[in-house]
Amino acid sequence: GYPLGLIYFNKVAKEKFEVLDGQQRITSIGRYVTGK
């Protein structure tokens, strides 16, 4: 239940985003949830 800190998205279009800061954390989460 610890916070992961702020994550920043760049909004490049309506409902389209790029990760500005936090891609290491997001990739870690996604890799774990998908069994990597």
Full PDB file with SEQRES, HELIX, SHEET, SSBOND, CRYST1, ORIGX, SCALE, CONECT and MASTER records, all heavy atoms in Angstrom:
SEQRES   1 A   36  GLY TYR PRO LEU GLY LEU ILE TYR PHE ASN LYS VAL ALA          
SEQRES   2 A   36  LYS GLU LYS PHE GLU VAL LEU ASP GLY GLN GLN ARG ILE          
SEQRES   3 A   36  THR SER ILE GLY ARG TYR VAL THR GLY LYS                      
HELIX    1 AA1 GLN A   23  VAL A   33  1                                  11    
SHEET    1 AA1 2 TYR A   8  ALA A  13  0                                        
SHEET    2 AA1 2 LYS A  16  ASP A  21 -1                                        
CRYST1    1.000    1.000    1.000  90.00  90.00  90.00 P 1           1          
ORIGX1      1.000000  0.000000  0.000000        0.00000                         
ORIGX2      0.000000  1.000000  0.000000        0.00000                         
ORIGX3      0.000000  0.000000  1.000000        0.00000                         
SCALE1      1.000000  0.000000  0.000000        0.00000                         
SCALE2      0.000000  1.000000  0.000000        0.00000                         
SCALE3      0.000000  0.000000  1.000000        0.00000                         
ATOM      1  N   GLY A   1       0.792  -1.224   0.000  1.00  0.00           N  
ATOM      2  CA  GLY A   1       0.000   0.000   0.000  1.00  0.00           C  
ATOM      3  C   GLY A   1       0.819   1.266   0.000  1.00  0.00           C  
ATOM      4  O   GLY A   1       0.309   2.355   0.299  1.00  0.00           O  
ATOM      5  N   TYR A   2       2.118   1.157  -0.348  1.00  0.00           N  
ATOM      6  CA  TYR A   2       2.971   2.338  -0.396  1.00  0.00           C  
ATOM      7  C   TYR A   2       2.723   3.113  -1.689  1.00  0.00           C  
ATOM      8  O   TYR A   2       2.491   2.511  -2.746  1.00  0.00           O  
ATOM      9  CB  TYR A   2       4.445   1.952  -0.341  1.00  0.00           C  
ATOM     10  CG  TYR A   2       4.875   1.244   0.925  1.00  0.00           C  
ATOM     11  CD1 TYR A   2       6.066   0.529   0.967  1.00  0.00           C  
ATOM     12  CD2 TYR A   2       4.110   1.311   2.093  1.00  0.00           C  
ATOM     13  CE1 TYR A   2       6.486  -0.128   2.113  1.00  0.00           C  
ATOM     14  CE2 TYR A   2       4.523   0.665   3.248  1.00  0.00           C  
ATOM     15  CZ  TYR A   2       5.705  -0.054   3.252  1.00  0.00           C  
ATOM     16  OH  TYR A   2       6.106  -0.701   4.391  1.00  0.00           O  
ATOM     17  N   PRO A   3       2.783   4.435  -1.651  1.00  0.00           N  
ATOM     18  CA  PRO A   3       2.629   5.218  -2.886  1.00  0.00           C  
ATOM     19  C   PRO A   3       3.844   5.046  -3.799  1.00  0.00           C  
ATOM     20  O   PRO A   3       4.983   4.896  -3.335  1.00  0.00           O  
ATOM     21  CB  PRO A   3       2.524   6.657  -2.378  1.00  0.00           C  
ATOM     22  CG  PRO A   3       3.237   6.650  -1.059  1.00  0.00           C  
ATOM     23  CD  PRO A   3       2.976   5.293  -0.464  1.00  0.00           C  
ATOM     24  N   LEU A   4       3.599   5.067  -5.096  1.00  0.00           N  
ATOM     25  CA  LEU A   4       4.689   4.926  -6.074  1.00  0.00           C  
ATOM     26  C   LEU A   4       5.235   6.271  -6.534  1.00  0.00           C  
ATOM     27  O   LEU A   4       6.146   6.327  -7.349  1.00  0.00           O  
ATOM     28  CB  LEU A   4       4.208   4.144  -7.303  1.00  0.00           C  
ATOM     29  CG  LEU A   4       3.847   2.681  -7.083  1.00  0.00           C  
ATOM     30  CD1 LEU A   4       3.491   2.041  -8.418  1.00  0.00           C  
ATOM     31  CD2 LEU A   4       4.986   1.922  -6.418  1.00  0.00           C  
ATOM     32  N   GLY A   5       4.669   7.346  -6.017  1.00  0.00           N  
ATOM     33  CA  GLY A   5       5.126   8.666  -6.439  1.00  0.00           C  
ATOM     34  C   GLY A   5       4.342   9.157  -7.646  1.00  0.00           C  
ATOM     35  O   GLY A   5       3.577   8.420  -8.269  1.00  0.00           O  
ATOM     36  N   LEU A   6       4.555  10.410  -7.979  1.00  0.00           N  
ATOM     37  CA  LEU A   6       3.841  11.016  -9.098  1.00  0.00           C  
ATOM     38  C   LEU A   6       4.301  10.441 -10.435  1.00  0.00           C  
ATOM     39  O   LEU A   6       5.480  10.152 -10.621  1.00  0.00           O  
ATOM     40  CB  LEU A   6       4.060  12.529  -9.097  1.00  0.00           C  
ATOM     41  CG  LEU A   6       3.341  13.328  -7.996  1.00  0.00           C  
ATOM     42  CD1 LEU A   6       3.813  14.773  -8.009  1.00  0.00           C  
ATOM     43  CD2 LEU A   6       1.833  13.258  -8.183  1.00  0.00           C  
ATOM     44  N   ILE A   7       3.342  10.296 -11.323  1.00  0.00           N  
ATOM     45  CA  ILE A   7       3.597   9.859 -12.698  1.00  0.00           C  
ATOM     46  C   ILE A   7       3.053  10.956 -13.615  1.00  0.00           C  
ATOM     47  O   ILE A   7       2.021  11.575 -13.320  1.00  0.00           O  
ATOM     48  CB  ILE A   7       2.909   8.511 -12.984  1.00  0.00           C  
ATOM     49  CG1 ILE A   7       3.577   7.397 -12.154  1.00  0.00           C  
ATOM     50  CG2 ILE A   7       2.938   8.175 -14.473  1.00  0.00           C  
ATOM     51  CD1 ILE A   7       2.859   6.067 -12.199  1.00  0.00           C  
ATOM     52  N   TYR A   8       3.767  11.228 -14.690  1.00  0.00           N  
ATOM     53  CA  TYR A   8       3.365  12.301 -15.596  1.00  0.00           C  
ATOM     54  C   TYR A   8       3.092  11.752 -16.992  1.00  0.00           C  
ATOM     55  O   TYR A   8       3.908  11.007 -17.554  1.00  0.00           O  
ATOM     56  CB  TYR A   8       4.463  13.370 -15.688  1.00  0.00           C  
ATOM     57  CG  TYR A   8       4.668  14.160 -14.413  1.00  0.00           C  
ATOM     58  CD1 TYR A   8       5.442  13.657 -13.378  1.00  0.00           C  
ATOM     59  CD2 TYR A   8       4.084  15.417 -14.253  1.00  0.00           C  
ATOM     60  CE1 TYR A   8       5.629  14.375 -12.207  1.00  0.00           C  
ATOM     61  CE2 TYR A   8       4.267  16.153 -13.091  1.00  0.00           C  
ATOM     62  CZ  TYR A   8       5.038  15.625 -12.068  1.00  0.00           C  
ATOM     63  OH  TYR A   8       5.223  16.351 -10.905  1.00  0.00           O  
ATOM     64  N   PHE A   9       1.918  12.134 -17.537  1.00  0.00           N  
ATOM     65  CA  PHE A   9       1.562  11.793 -18.914  1.00  0.00           C  
ATOM     66  C   PHE A   9       1.560  13.070 -19.754  1.00  0.00           C  
ATOM     67  O   PHE A   9       1.150  14.136 -19.279  1.00  0.00           O  
ATOM     68  CB  PHE A   9       0.153  11.185 -18.995  1.00  0.00           C  
ATOM     69  CG  PHE A   9       0.028   9.799 -18.445  1.00  0.00           C  
ATOM     70  CD1 PHE A   9      -1.223   9.184 -18.365  1.00  0.00           C  
ATOM     71  CD2 PHE A   9       1.136   9.088 -17.993  1.00  0.00           C  
ATOM     72  CE1 PHE A   9      -1.365   7.901 -17.857  1.00  0.00           C  
ATOM     73  CE2 PHE A   9       1.011   7.805 -17.477  1.00  0.00           C  
ATOM     74  CZ  PHE A   9      -0.245   7.216 -17.402  1.00  0.00           C  
ATOM     75  N   ASN A  10       2.007  12.952 -20.973  1.00  0.00           N  
ATOM     76  CA  ASN A  10       1.882  14.030 -21.950  1.00  0.00           C  
ATOM     77  C   ASN A  10       0.643  13.749 -22.799  1.00  0.00           C  
ATOM     78  O   ASN A  10       0.566  12.722 -23.470  1.00  0.00           O  
ATOM     79  CB  ASN A  10       3.132  14.094 -22.828  1.00  0.00           C  
ATOM     80  CG  ASN A  10       2.995  15.081 -23.967  1.00  0.00           C  
ATOM     81  OD1 ASN A  10       2.247  16.060 -23.866  1.00  0.00           O  
ATOM     82  ND2 ASN A  10       3.711  14.841 -25.060  1.00  0.00           N  
ATOM     83  N   LYS A  11      -0.333  14.650 -22.782  1.00  0.00           N  
ATOM     84  CA  LYS A  11      -1.541  14.474 -23.579  1.00  0.00           C  
ATOM     85  C   LYS A  11      -1.265  14.968 -24.989  1.00  0.00           C  
ATOM     86  O   LYS A  11      -1.091  16.162 -25.225  1.00  0.00           O  
ATOM     87  CB  LYS A  11      -2.709  15.253 -22.964  1.00  0.00           C  
ATOM     88  CG  LYS A  11      -4.054  14.983 -23.629  1.00  0.00           C  
ATOM     89  CD  LYS A  11      -5.181  15.676 -22.875  1.00  0.00           C  
ATOM     90  CE  LYS A  11      -6.534  15.345 -23.502  1.00  0.00           C  
ATOM     91  NZ  LYS A  11      -7.641  16.006 -22.762  1.00  0.00           N  
ATOM     92  N   VAL A  12      -1.177  14.033 -25.934  1.00  0.00           N  
ATOM     93  CA  VAL A  12      -0.798  14.388 -27.297  1.00  0.00           C  
ATOM     94  C   VAL A  12      -2.016  14.576 -28.202  1.00  0.00           C  
ATOM     95  O   VAL A  12      -1.933  15.180 -29.276  1.00  0.00           O  
ATOM     96  CB  VAL A  12       0.143  13.322 -27.903  1.00  0.00           C  
ATOM     97  CG1 VAL A  12       1.469  13.314 -27.159  1.00  0.00           C  
ATOM     98  CG2 VAL A  12      -0.491  11.938 -27.878  1.00  0.00           C  
ATOM     99  N   ALA A  13      -3.167  14.058 -27.803  1.00  0.00           N  
ATOM    100  CA  ALA A  13      -4.419  14.204 -28.550  1.00  0.00           C  
ATOM    101  C   ALA A  13      -5.543  13.775 -27.618  1.00  0.00           C  
ATOM    102  O   ALA A  13      -5.305  13.333 -26.484  1.00  0.00           O  
ATOM    103  CB  ALA A  13      -4.414  13.347 -29.819  1.00  0.00           C  
ATOM    104  N   LYS A  14      -6.788  13.878 -28.071  1.00  0.00           N  
ATOM    105  CA  LYS A  14      -7.905  13.473 -27.240  1.00  0.00           C  
ATOM    106  C   LYS A  14      -7.812  11.980 -26.940  1.00  0.00           C  
ATOM    107  O   LYS A  14      -7.739  11.139 -27.837  1.00  0.00           O  
ATOM    108  CB  LYS A  14      -9.227  13.783 -27.948  1.00  0.00           C  
ATOM    109  CG  LYS A  14     -10.451  13.505 -27.075  1.00  0.00           C  
ATOM    110  CD  LYS A  14     -11.737  13.880 -27.773  1.00  0.00           C  
ATOM    111  CE  LYS A  14     -12.940  13.605 -26.888  1.00  0.00           C  
ATOM    112  NZ  LYS A  14     -14.212  13.986 -27.554  1.00  0.00           N  
ATOM    113  N   GLU A  15      -7.724  11.659 -25.657  1.00  0.00           N  
ATOM    114  CA  GLU A  15      -7.620  10.272 -25.203  1.00  0.00           C  
ATOM    115  C   GLU A  15      -6.368   9.565 -25.727  1.00  0.00           C  
ATOM    116  O   GLU A  15      -6.352   8.342 -25.882  1.00  0.00           O  
ATOM    117  CB  GLU A  15      -8.873   9.470 -25.596  1.00  0.00           C  
ATOM    118  CG  GLU A  15     -10.145   9.938 -24.918  1.00  0.00           C  
ATOM    119  CD  GLU A  15     -10.081   9.805 -23.399  1.00  0.00           C  
ATOM    120  OE1 GLU A  15      -9.846   8.690 -22.913  1.00  0.00           O  
ATOM    121  OE2 GLU A  15     -10.239  10.833 -22.713  1.00  0.00           O  
ATOM    122  N   LYS A  16      -5.310  10.322 -25.983  1.00  0.00           N  
ATOM    123  CA  LYS A  16      -4.022   9.749 -26.394  1.00  0.00           C  
ATOM    124  C   LYS A  16      -2.927  10.362 -25.532  1.00  0.00           C  
ATOM    125  O   LYS A  16      -2.812  11.589 -25.446  1.00  0.00           O  
ATOM    126  CB  LYS A  16      -3.736  10.015 -27.878  1.00  0.00           C  
ATOM    127  CG  LYS A  16      -4.612   9.217 -28.829  1.00  0.00           C  
ATOM    128  CD  LYS A  16      -4.266   7.726 -28.794  1.00  0.00           C  
ATOM    129  CE  LYS A  16      -5.086   6.924 -29.798  1.00  0.00           C  
ATOM    130  NZ  LYS A  16      -4.784   5.478 -29.745  1.00  0.00           N  
ATOM    131  N   PHE A  17      -2.121   9.483 -24.911  1.00  0.00           N  
ATOM    132  CA  PHE A  17      -1.113   9.963 -23.975  1.00  0.00           C  
ATOM    133  C   PHE A  17       0.242   9.293 -24.223  1.00  0.00           C  
ATOM    134  O   PHE A  17       0.314   8.196 -24.776  1.00  0.00           O  
ATOM    135  CB  PHE A  17      -1.552   9.666 -22.527  1.00  0.00           C  
ATOM    136  CG  PHE A  17      -2.922  10.173 -22.185  1.00  0.00           C  
ATOM    137  CD1 PHE A  17      -4.034   9.336 -22.307  1.00  0.00           C  
ATOM    138  CD2 PHE A  17      -3.107  11.473 -21.754  1.00  0.00           C  
ATOM    139  CE1 PHE A  17      -5.306   9.787 -21.996  1.00  0.00           C  
ATOM    140  CE2 PHE A  17      -4.376  11.938 -21.445  1.00  0.00           C  
ATOM    141  CZ  PHE A  17      -5.475  11.098 -21.563  1.00  0.00           C  
ATOM    142  N   GLU A  18       1.296   9.974 -23.775  1.00  0.00           N  
ATOM    143  CA  GLU A  18       2.645   9.402 -23.717  1.00  0.00           C  
ATOM    144  C   GLU A  18       3.143   9.537 -22.286  1.00  0.00           C  
ATOM    145  O   GLU A  18       2.828  10.517 -21.601  1.00  0.00           O  
ATOM    146  CB  GLU A  18       3.610  10.154 -24.643  1.00  0.00           C  
ATOM    147  CG  GLU A  18       3.332  10.024 -26.116  1.00  0.00           C  
ATOM    148  CD  GLU A  18       4.314  10.839 -26.956  1.00  0.00           C  
ATOM    149  OE1 GLU A  18       5.002  11.724 -26.372  1.00  0.00           O  
ATOM    150  OE2 GLU A  18       4.389  10.603 -28.172  1.00  0.00           O  
ATOM    151  N   VAL A  19       3.920   8.563 -21.831  1.00  0.00           N  
ATOM    152  CA  VAL A  19       4.497   8.654 -20.495  1.00  0.00           C  
ATOM    153  C   VAL A  19       5.685   9.611 -20.533  1.00  0.00           C  
ATOM    154  O   VAL A  19       6.635   9.418 -21.293  1.00  0.00           O  
ATOM    155  CB  VAL A  19       4.963   7.271 -19.982  1.00  0.00           C  
ATOM    156  CG1 VAL A  19       5.654   7.426 -18.626  1.00  0.00           C  
ATOM    157  CG2 VAL A  19       3.793   6.312 -19.870  1.00  0.00           C  
ATOM    158  N   LEU A  20       5.606  10.654 -19.706  1.00  0.00           N  
ATOM    159  CA  LEU A  20       6.729  11.584 -19.567  1.00  0.00           C  
ATOM    160  C   LEU A  20       7.673  11.113 -18.465  1.00  0.00           C  
ATOM    161  O   LEU A  20       8.876  11.074 -18.633  1.00  0.00           O  
ATOM    162  CB  LEU A  20       6.208  12.982 -19.210  1.00  0.00           C  
ATOM    163  CG  LEU A  20       5.931  13.956 -20.345  1.00  0.00           C  
ATOM    164  CD1 LEU A  20       5.349  15.245 -19.781  1.00  0.00           C  
ATOM    165  CD2 LEU A  20       7.201  14.258 -21.122  1.00  0.00           C  
ATOM    166  N   ASP A  21       7.105  10.801 -17.321  1.00  0.00           N  
ATOM    167  CA  ASP A  21       7.898  10.345 -16.178  1.00  0.00           C  
ATOM    168  C   ASP A  21       7.131   9.235 -15.479  1.00  0.00           C  
ATOM    169  O   ASP A  21       5.983   9.414 -15.082  1.00  0.00           O  
ATOM    170  CB  ASP A  21       8.132  11.510 -15.205  1.00  0.00           C  
ATOM    171  CG  ASP A  21       9.013  11.110 -14.032  1.00  0.00           C  
ATOM    172  OD1 ASP A  21       9.708  10.090 -14.145  1.00  0.00           O  
ATOM    173  OD2 ASP A  21       8.995  11.818 -13.010  1.00  0.00           O  
ATOM    174  N   GLY A  22       7.764   8.063 -15.354  1.00  0.00           N  
ATOM    175  CA  GLY A  22       7.122   6.927 -14.702  1.00  0.00           C  
ATOM    176  C   GLY A  22       7.099   5.673 -15.533  1.00  0.00           C  
ATOM    177  O   GLY A  22       6.524   4.663 -15.130  1.00  0.00           O  
ATOM    178  N   GLN A  23       7.746   5.705 -16.707  1.00  0.00           N  
ATOM    179  CA  GLN A  23       7.672   4.518 -17.578  1.00  0.00           C  
ATOM    180  C   GLN A  23       8.357   3.305 -16.966  1.00  0.00           C  
ATOM    181  O   GLN A  23       7.928   2.175 -17.193  1.00  0.00           O  
ATOM    182  CB  GLN A  23       8.220   4.822 -18.980  1.00  0.00           C  
ATOM    183  CG  GLN A  23       9.708   5.071 -19.067  1.00  0.00           C  
ATOM    184  CD  GLN A  23      10.481   3.901 -19.653  1.00  0.00           C  
ATOM    185  OE1 GLN A  23       9.950   2.799 -19.771  1.00  0.00           O  
ATOM    186  NE2 GLN A  23      11.730   4.139 -19.996  1.00  0.00           N  
ATOM    187  N   GLN A  24       9.391   3.509 -16.145  1.00  0.00           N  
ATOM    188  CA  GLN A  24      10.037   2.367 -15.498  1.00  0.00           C  
ATOM    189  C   GLN A  24       9.063   1.682 -14.534  1.00  0.00           C  
ATOM    190  O   GLN A  24       8.951   0.457 -14.497  1.00  0.00           O  
ATOM    191  CB  GLN A  24      11.289   2.824 -14.744  1.00  0.00           C  
ATOM    192  CG  GLN A  24      12.340   3.518 -15.598  1.00  0.00           C  
ATOM    193  CD  GLN A  24      13.123   2.562 -16.470  1.00  0.00           C  
ATOM    194  OE1 GLN A  24      13.272   1.391 -16.154  1.00  0.00           O  
ATOM    195  NE2 GLN A  24      13.641   3.053 -17.585  1.00  0.00           N  
ATOM    196  N   ARG A  25       8.340   2.500 -13.757  1.00  0.00           N  
ATOM    197  CA  ARG A  25       7.383   1.949 -12.797  1.00  0.00           C  
ATOM    198  C   ARG A  25       6.192   1.296 -13.505  1.00  0.00           C  
ATOM    199  O   ARG A  25       5.757   0.200 -13.140  1.00  0.00           O  
ATOM    200  CB  ARG A  25       6.910   3.068 -11.859  1.00  0.00           C  
ATOM    201  CG  ARG A  25       7.966   3.480 -10.829  1.00  0.00           C  
ATOM    202  CD  ARG A  25       7.609   4.793 -10.169  1.00  0.00           C  
ATOM    203  NE  ARG A  25       7.895   5.928 -11.051  1.00  0.00           N  
ATOM    204  CZ  ARG A  25       7.464   7.175 -10.832  1.00  0.00           C  
ATOM    205  NH1 ARG A  25       6.700   7.432  -9.788  1.00  0.00           N  
ATOM    206  NH2 ARG A  25       7.792   8.149 -11.663  1.00  0.00           N  
ATOM    207  N   ILE A  26       5.679   1.968 -14.525  1.00  0.00           N  
ATOM    208  CA  ILE A  26       4.537   1.420 -15.269  1.00  0.00           C  
ATOM    209  C   ILE A  26       4.912   0.115 -15.964  1.00  0.00           C  
ATOM    210  O   ILE A  26       4.162  -0.866 -15.942  1.00  0.00           O  
ATOM    211  CB  ILE A  26       4.017   2.455 -16.286  1.00  0.00           C  
ATOM    212  CG1 ILE A  26       3.270   3.567 -15.550  1.00  0.00           C  
ATOM    213  CG2 ILE A  26       3.098   1.806 -17.323  1.00  0.00           C  
ATOM    214  CD1 ILE A  26       2.818   4.700 -16.441  1.00  0.00           C  
ATOM    215  N   THR A  27       6.093   0.084 -16.560  1.00  0.00           N  
ATOM    216  CA  THR A  27       6.536  -1.133 -17.244  1.00  0.00           C  
ATOM    217  C   THR A  27       6.730  -2.272 -16.243  1.00  0.00           C  
ATOM    218  O   THR A  27       6.395  -3.426 -16.525  1.00  0.00           O  
ATOM    219  CB  THR A  27       7.837  -0.887 -18.033  1.00  0.00           C  
ATOM    220  OG1 THR A  27       7.633   0.199 -18.948  1.00  0.00           O  
ATOM    221  CG2 THR A  27       8.255  -2.117 -18.816  1.00  0.00           C  
ATOM    222  N   SER A  28       7.263  -1.948 -15.069  1.00  0.00           N  
ATOM    223  CA  SER A  28       7.422  -2.971 -14.021  1.00  0.00           C  
ATOM    224  C   SER A  28       6.071  -3.572 -13.649  1.00  0.00           C  
ATOM    225  O   SER A  28       5.924  -4.801 -13.537  1.00  0.00           O  
ATOM    226  CB  SER A  28       8.072  -2.355 -12.776  1.00  0.00           C  
ATOM    227  OG  SER A  28       9.382  -1.908 -13.041  1.00  0.00           O  
ATOM    228  N   ILE A  29       5.075  -2.708 -13.436  1.00  0.00           N  
ATOM    229  CA  ILE A  29       3.732  -3.184 -13.074  1.00  0.00           C  
ATOM    230  C   ILE A  29       3.163  -4.068 -14.185  1.00  0.00           C  
ATOM    231  O   ILE A  29       2.656  -5.175 -13.938  1.00  0.00           O  
ATOM    232  CB  ILE A  29       2.801  -1.984 -12.816  1.00  0.00           C  
ATOM    233  CG1 ILE A  29       3.271  -1.199 -11.586  1.00  0.00           C  
ATOM    234  CG2 ILE A  29       1.362  -2.464 -12.632  1.00  0.00           C  
ATOM    235  CD1 ILE A  29       2.598   0.150 -11.437  1.00  0.00           C  
ATOM    236  N   GLY A  30       3.235  -3.577 -15.424  1.00  0.00           N  
ATOM    237  CA  GLY A  30       2.689  -4.338 -16.546  1.00  0.00           C  
ATOM    238  C   GLY A  30       3.387  -5.661 -16.756  1.00  0.00           C  
ATOM    239  O   GLY A  30       2.746  -6.684 -17.046  1.00  0.00           O  
ATOM    240  N   ARG A  31       4.700  -5.664 -16.590  1.00  0.00           N  
ATOM    241  CA  ARG A  31       5.463  -6.903 -16.754  1.00  0.00           C  
ATOM    242  C   ARG A  31       5.057  -7.921 -15.691  1.00  0.00           C  
ATOM    243  O   ARG A  31       4.963  -9.123 -15.966  1.00  0.00           O  
ATOM    244  CB  ARG A  31       6.969  -6.609 -16.661  1.00  0.00           C  
ATOM    245  CG  ARG A  31       7.582  -6.186 -17.981  1.00  0.00           C  
ATOM    246  CD  ARG A  31       9.028  -5.683 -17.825  1.00  0.00           C  
ATOM    247  NE  ARG A  31       9.847  -6.525 -16.975  1.00  0.00           N  
ATOM    248  CZ  ARG A  31      10.467  -7.640 -17.357  1.00  0.00           C  
ATOM    249  NH1 ARG A  31      10.330  -8.071 -18.599  1.00  0.00           N  
ATOM    250  NH2 ARG A  31      11.217  -8.326 -16.508  1.00  0.00           N  
ATOM    251  N   TYR A  32       4.823  -7.444 -14.470  1.00  0.00           N  
ATOM    252  CA  TYR A  32       4.457  -8.391 -13.413  1.00  0.00           C  
ATOM    253  C   TYR A  32       3.051  -8.951 -13.629  1.00  0.00           C  
ATOM    254  O   TYR A  32       2.831 -10.167 -13.554  1.00  0.00           O  
ATOM    255  CB  TYR A  32       4.553  -7.728 -12.042  1.00  0.00           C  
ATOM    256  CG  TYR A  32       4.278  -8.705 -10.918  1.00  0.00           C  
ATOM    257  CD1 TYR A  32       5.171  -9.747 -10.654  1.00  0.00           C  
ATOM    258  CD2 TYR A  32       3.122  -8.620 -10.148  1.00  0.00           C  
ATOM    259  CE1 TYR A  32       4.922 -10.673  -9.651  1.00  0.00           C  
ATOM    260  CE2 TYR A  32       2.865  -9.534  -9.141  1.00  0.00           C  
ATOM    261  CZ  TYR A  32       3.774 -10.563  -8.903  1.00  0.00           C  
ATOM    262  OH  TYR A  32       3.518 -11.484  -7.918  1.00  0.00           O  
ATOM    263  N   VAL A  33       2.107  -8.080 -13.910  1.00  0.00           N  
ATOM    264  CA  VAL A  33       0.721  -8.514 -14.083  1.00  0.00           C  
ATOM    265  C   VAL A  33       0.573  -9.467 -15.263  1.00  0.00           C  
ATOM    266  O   VAL A  33      -0.270 -10.368 -15.250  1.00  0.00           O  
ATOM    267  CB  VAL A  33      -0.208  -7.285 -14.239  1.00  0.00           C  
ATOM    268  CG1 VAL A  33      -1.622  -7.701 -14.637  1.00  0.00           C  
ATOM    269  CG2 VAL A  33      -0.253  -6.492 -12.931  1.00  0.00           C  
ATOM    270  N   THR A  34       1.422  -9.305 -16.283  1.00  0.00           N  
ATOM    271  CA  THR A  34       1.345 -10.184 -17.466  1.00  0.00           C  
ATOM    272  C   THR A  34       2.311 -11.362 -17.374  1.00  0.00           C  
ATOM    273  O   THR A  34       2.567 -12.037 -18.375  1.00  0.00           O  
ATOM    274  CB  THR A  34       1.614  -9.382 -18.750  1.00  0.00           C  
ATOM    275  OG1 THR A  34       2.885  -8.707 -18.649  1.00  0.00           O  
ATOM    276  CG2 THR A  34       0.523  -8.354 -18.998  1.00  0.00           C  
ATOM    277  N   GLY A  35       2.873 -11.609 -16.180  1.00  0.00           N  
ATOM    278  CA  GLY A  35       3.652 -12.825 -15.950  1.00  0.00           C  
ATOM    279  C   GLY A  35       5.067 -12.835 -16.479  1.00  0.00           C  
ATOM    280  O   GLY A  35       5.629 -13.905 -16.706  1.00  0.00           O  
ATOM    281  N   LYS A  36       5.678 -11.649 -16.625  1.00  0.00           N  
ATOM    282  CA  LYS A  36       7.042 -11.599 -17.166  1.00  0.00           C  
ATOM    283  C   LYS A  36       8.120 -11.845 -16.112  1.00  0.00           C  
ATOM    284  O   LYS A  36       9.260 -12.161 -16.435  1.00  0.00           O  
ATOM    285  CB  LYS A  36       7.296 -10.248 -17.840  1.00  0.00           C  
ATOM    286  CG  LYS A  36       6.368  -9.927 -19.014  1.00  0.00           C  
ATOM    287  CD  LYS A  36       6.552 -10.897 -20.149  1.00  0.00           C  
ATOM    288  CE  LYS A  36       5.782 -10.480 -21.396  1.00  0.00           C  
ATOM    289  NZ  LYS A  36       4.320 -10.425 -21.187  1.00  0.00           N  
TER     290      LYS A  36                                                      
MASTER        0    0    0    1    2    0    0    6  289    1    0    3          
END                                                                             
